[in-house]
Protein backbone atom coordinates (compact mmCIF):
# COMPACT_ATOMS: atom_id res chain seq x y z
CA MET A 1 0.00 0.00 0.00
CA SER A 2 1.35 3.42 -0.88
CA LYS A 3 2.08 6.08 1.69
CA GLN A 4 -0.68 8.30 0.26
CA ASN A 5 -3.34 5.72 1.18
CA ARG A 6 -2.32 5.84 4.85
CA THR A 7 -2.67 9.59 5.37
CA PRO A 8 -4.94 10.45 8.31
CA GLY A 9 -8.38 11.82 7.54
CA ARG A 10 -8.49 10.34 4.05
CA VAL A 11 -12.02 10.58 2.63
CA VAL A 12 -13.17 7.35 1.00
CA ALA A 13 -16.72 8.21 -0.09
CA LEU A 14 -18.45 11.56 -0.35
CA ASN A 15 -22.18 12.20 -0.67
CA ARG A 16 -22.08 15.39 -2.75
CA ARG A 17 -25.77 15.18 -3.56
CA ALA A 18 -26.70 15.55 0.13
CA ARG A 19 -25.63 19.19 0.32
CA HIS A 20 -27.63 19.89 -2.83
CA ASP A 21 -30.82 18.21 -1.59
CA TYR A 22 -30.71 19.14 2.11
CA PHE A 23 -29.92 21.96 4.53
CA ILE A 24 -27.35 20.44 6.91
CA ASP A 25 -28.02 21.76 10.43
CA GLU A 26 -25.25 19.96 12.30
CA ASN A 27 -22.66 17.22 11.82
CA LEU A 28 -21.93 14.16 13.93
CA GLU A 29 -19.09 11.66 13.73
CA ALA A 30 -20.04 8.01 14.19
CA GLY A 31 -18.02 4.81 14.18
CA ILE A 32 -19.09 2.01 11.87
CA ILE A 33 -18.96 -1.75 12.35
CA LEU A 34 -17.47 -3.39 9.25
CA ALA A 35 -16.40 -6.85 8.14
CA GLY A 36 -12.77 -7.40 7.11
CA THR A 37 -13.45 -7.40 3.38
CA GLU A 38 -15.46 -4.18 3.73
CA VAL A 39 -12.47 -2.42 5.29
CA LYS A 40 -10.20 -3.67 2.50
CA SER A 41 -12.65 -2.44 -0.11
CA LEU A 42 -12.88 0.96 1.61
CA ARG A 43 -9.09 1.26 1.73
CA GLU A 44 -9.14 0.86 -2.05
CA GLY A 45 -11.49 3.85 -2.15
CA ARG A 46 -14.48 1.95 -3.47
CA ALA A 47 -17.74 2.98 -1.82
CA SER A 48 -20.87 4.92 -2.64
CA LEU A 49 -23.25 6.83 -0.38
CA GLN A 50 -25.81 7.64 -3.06
CA GLU A 51 -29.37 7.18 -1.76
CA SER A 52 -28.12 6.07 1.66
CA TYR A 53 -29.46 7.24 4.99
CA ALA A 54 -29.20 6.49 8.70
CA SER A 55 -32.14 5.23 10.72
CA VAL A 56 -32.87 4.32 14.32
CA ASP A 57 -34.17 0.78 14.79
CA HIS A 58 -34.74 -0.85 18.21
CA GLY A 59 -32.63 1.79 19.94
CA GLU A 60 -29.64 1.38 17.59
CA LEU A 61 -28.39 3.54 14.74
CA TRP A 62 -28.00 1.86 11.33
CA LEU A 63 -26.50 2.97 8.02
CA VAL A 64 -28.89 1.76 5.33
CA ASN A 65 -28.33 1.39 1.58
CA ALA A 66 -24.63 2.37 1.51
CA HIS A 67 -22.85 0.42 -1.21
CA ILE A 68 -19.43 -1.07 -0.39
CA PRO A 69 -18.53 -3.43 -3.25
CA GLU A 70 -17.04 -6.87 -2.71
CA TYR A 71 -13.28 -7.14 -2.26
CA GLN A 72 -11.99 -8.90 -5.37
CA GLN A 73 -8.95 -10.60 -3.81
CA ALA A 74 -11.00 -12.39 -1.14
CA GLY A 75 -12.40 -15.81 -1.91
CA ARG A 76 -16.07 -16.14 -2.65
CA PHE A 77 -16.77 -17.64 0.80
CA PHE A 78 -15.41 -14.61 2.67
CA GLN A 79 -17.37 -11.92 0.83
CA HIS A 80 -19.82 -9.50 2.39
CA GLU A 81 -23.18 -8.34 1.09
CA PRO A 82 -22.59 -4.96 -0.68
CA LYS A 83 -25.74 -3.13 0.49
CA ARG A 84 -26.32 -4.66 3.92
CA PRO A 85 -27.32 -2.42 6.85
CA ARG A 86 -24.30 -1.49 8.97
CA LYS A 87 -24.45 -0.57 12.64
CA LEU A 88 -23.21 2.90 13.60
CA LEU A 89 -21.61 3.60 16.96
CA VAL A 90 -22.55 6.75 18.88
CA HIS A 91 -22.89 7.60 22.57
CA ARG A 92 -26.29 6.93 24.15
CA ARG A 93 -26.85 10.64 24.86
CA GLN A 94 -26.15 11.52 21.21
CA LEU A 95 -28.50 8.76 20.04
CA ASP A 96 -31.31 9.99 22.31
CA ARG A 97 -30.88 13.54 21.02
CA LEU A 98 -30.91 12.35 17.39
CA MET A 99 -34.01 10.20 17.93
CA GLY A 100 -35.81 13.17 19.50
CA ALA A 101 -34.86 15.47 16.63
CA VAL A 102 -35.99 12.98 13.99
CA ARG A 103 -39.33 12.43 15.72
CA ARG A 104 -40.07 16.05 16.68
CA GLU A 105 -38.68 18.15 13.87
CA GLY A 106 -39.00 15.75 10.96
CA VAL A 107 -35.33 15.89 10.04
CA THR A 108 -33.33 13.14 8.33
CA LEU A 109 -29.97 11.63 9.17
CA VAL A 110 -27.89 11.71 5.99
CA PRO A 111 -24.35 10.29 5.68
CA LEU A 112 -22.10 12.99 4.23
CA SER A 113 -18.84 11.03 4.00
CA ILE A 114 -16.94 7.91 5.03
CA TYR A 115 -13.31 8.45 6.00
CA PHE A 116 -10.44 7.00 7.99
CA ASN A 117 -9.39 9.01 11.05
CA SER A 118 -5.80 9.48 12.22
CA ARG A 119 -5.87 6.10 14.03
CA GLY A 120 -7.00 4.30 10.86
CA MET A 121 -10.57 3.70 12.06
CA ALA A 122 -13.42 4.03 9.56
CA LYS A 123 -15.83 6.82 10.52
CA VAL A 124 -19.06 8.16 9.05
CA ASP A 125 -19.86 11.87 9.05
CA LEU A 126 -23.63 12.17 9.58
CA GLY A 127 -25.62 15.32 8.97
CA LEU A 128 -28.87 16.28 10.65
CA ALA A 129 -30.67 17.48 7.53
CA ARG A 130 -33.87 19.27 6.52
CA GLY A 131 -35.08 18.87 2.94
CA LYS A 132 -34.73 21.69 0.41
CA ARG A 133 -37.55 22.79 -1.84
CA GLN A 134 -36.99 23.33 -5.56
CA TYR A 135 -36.85 27.12 -5.19
CA ASP A 136 -34.21 26.75 -2.44
CA LYS A 137 -32.05 24.74 -4.83
CA ARG A 138 -32.42 27.38 -7.55
CA GLU A 139 -31.53 30.14 -5.08
CA ALA A 140 -28.41 28.26 -3.96
CA GLU A 141 -27.35 27.76 -7.59
CA LYS A 142 -27.79 31.49 -8.29
CA GLU A 143 -25.70 32.36 -5.24
CA ARG A 144 -22.89 29.97 -6.30
CA SER A 145 -22.97 31.35 -9.83
CA TRP A 146 -22.77 34.93 -8.57
CA GLN A 147 -19.84 34.11 -6.27
CA ARG A 148 -17.94 32.54 -9.20
CA GLU A 149 -18.69 35.53 -11.44
CA LYS A 150 -17.64 37.98 -8.71
CA ALA A 151 -14.35 36.13 -8.16
CA ARG A 152 -13.69 36.12 -11.91
CA LEU A 153 -14.33 39.87 -12.18
CA LEU A 154 -12.07 40.62 -9.23
CA ARG A 155 -9.29 38.51 -10.74
CA GLU A 156 -9.54 40.34 -14.07
CA LYS A 157 -9.75 43.86 -12.59
CA GLY A 158 -7.54 43.26 -9.55
């Protein structure tokens, strides 16, 4: 494995669509329970968070619909299921607060990224998210476009 793959804080999967579809109110770091072949596949940088979400089931937090493909070098008997639900690890107080927010305010728990921390542990960055309406998305696009145009004008004139 190259030295670049072992750098701390290396992002493996990013859910870029989440920031487009949701207002992210706050972030939360959670540990994730993985099988050995899942970790190997993540270290290769192969994962997708498209259409994934986190849900509370029987007092536990689960990452649902995240796709971690099979590790090719493992034998067929040691493979994992690519889209299986994976348990997330958070403190009880954090879990209670998240469950209350989801029930009361109607927010969603959206995974924003999967990364390896400085100790080499896989972590999931969860966002407490409220859905955007179509006009909110258009307004955000206008704002981004204006910021790009403003930066371009300042570079030319500056």
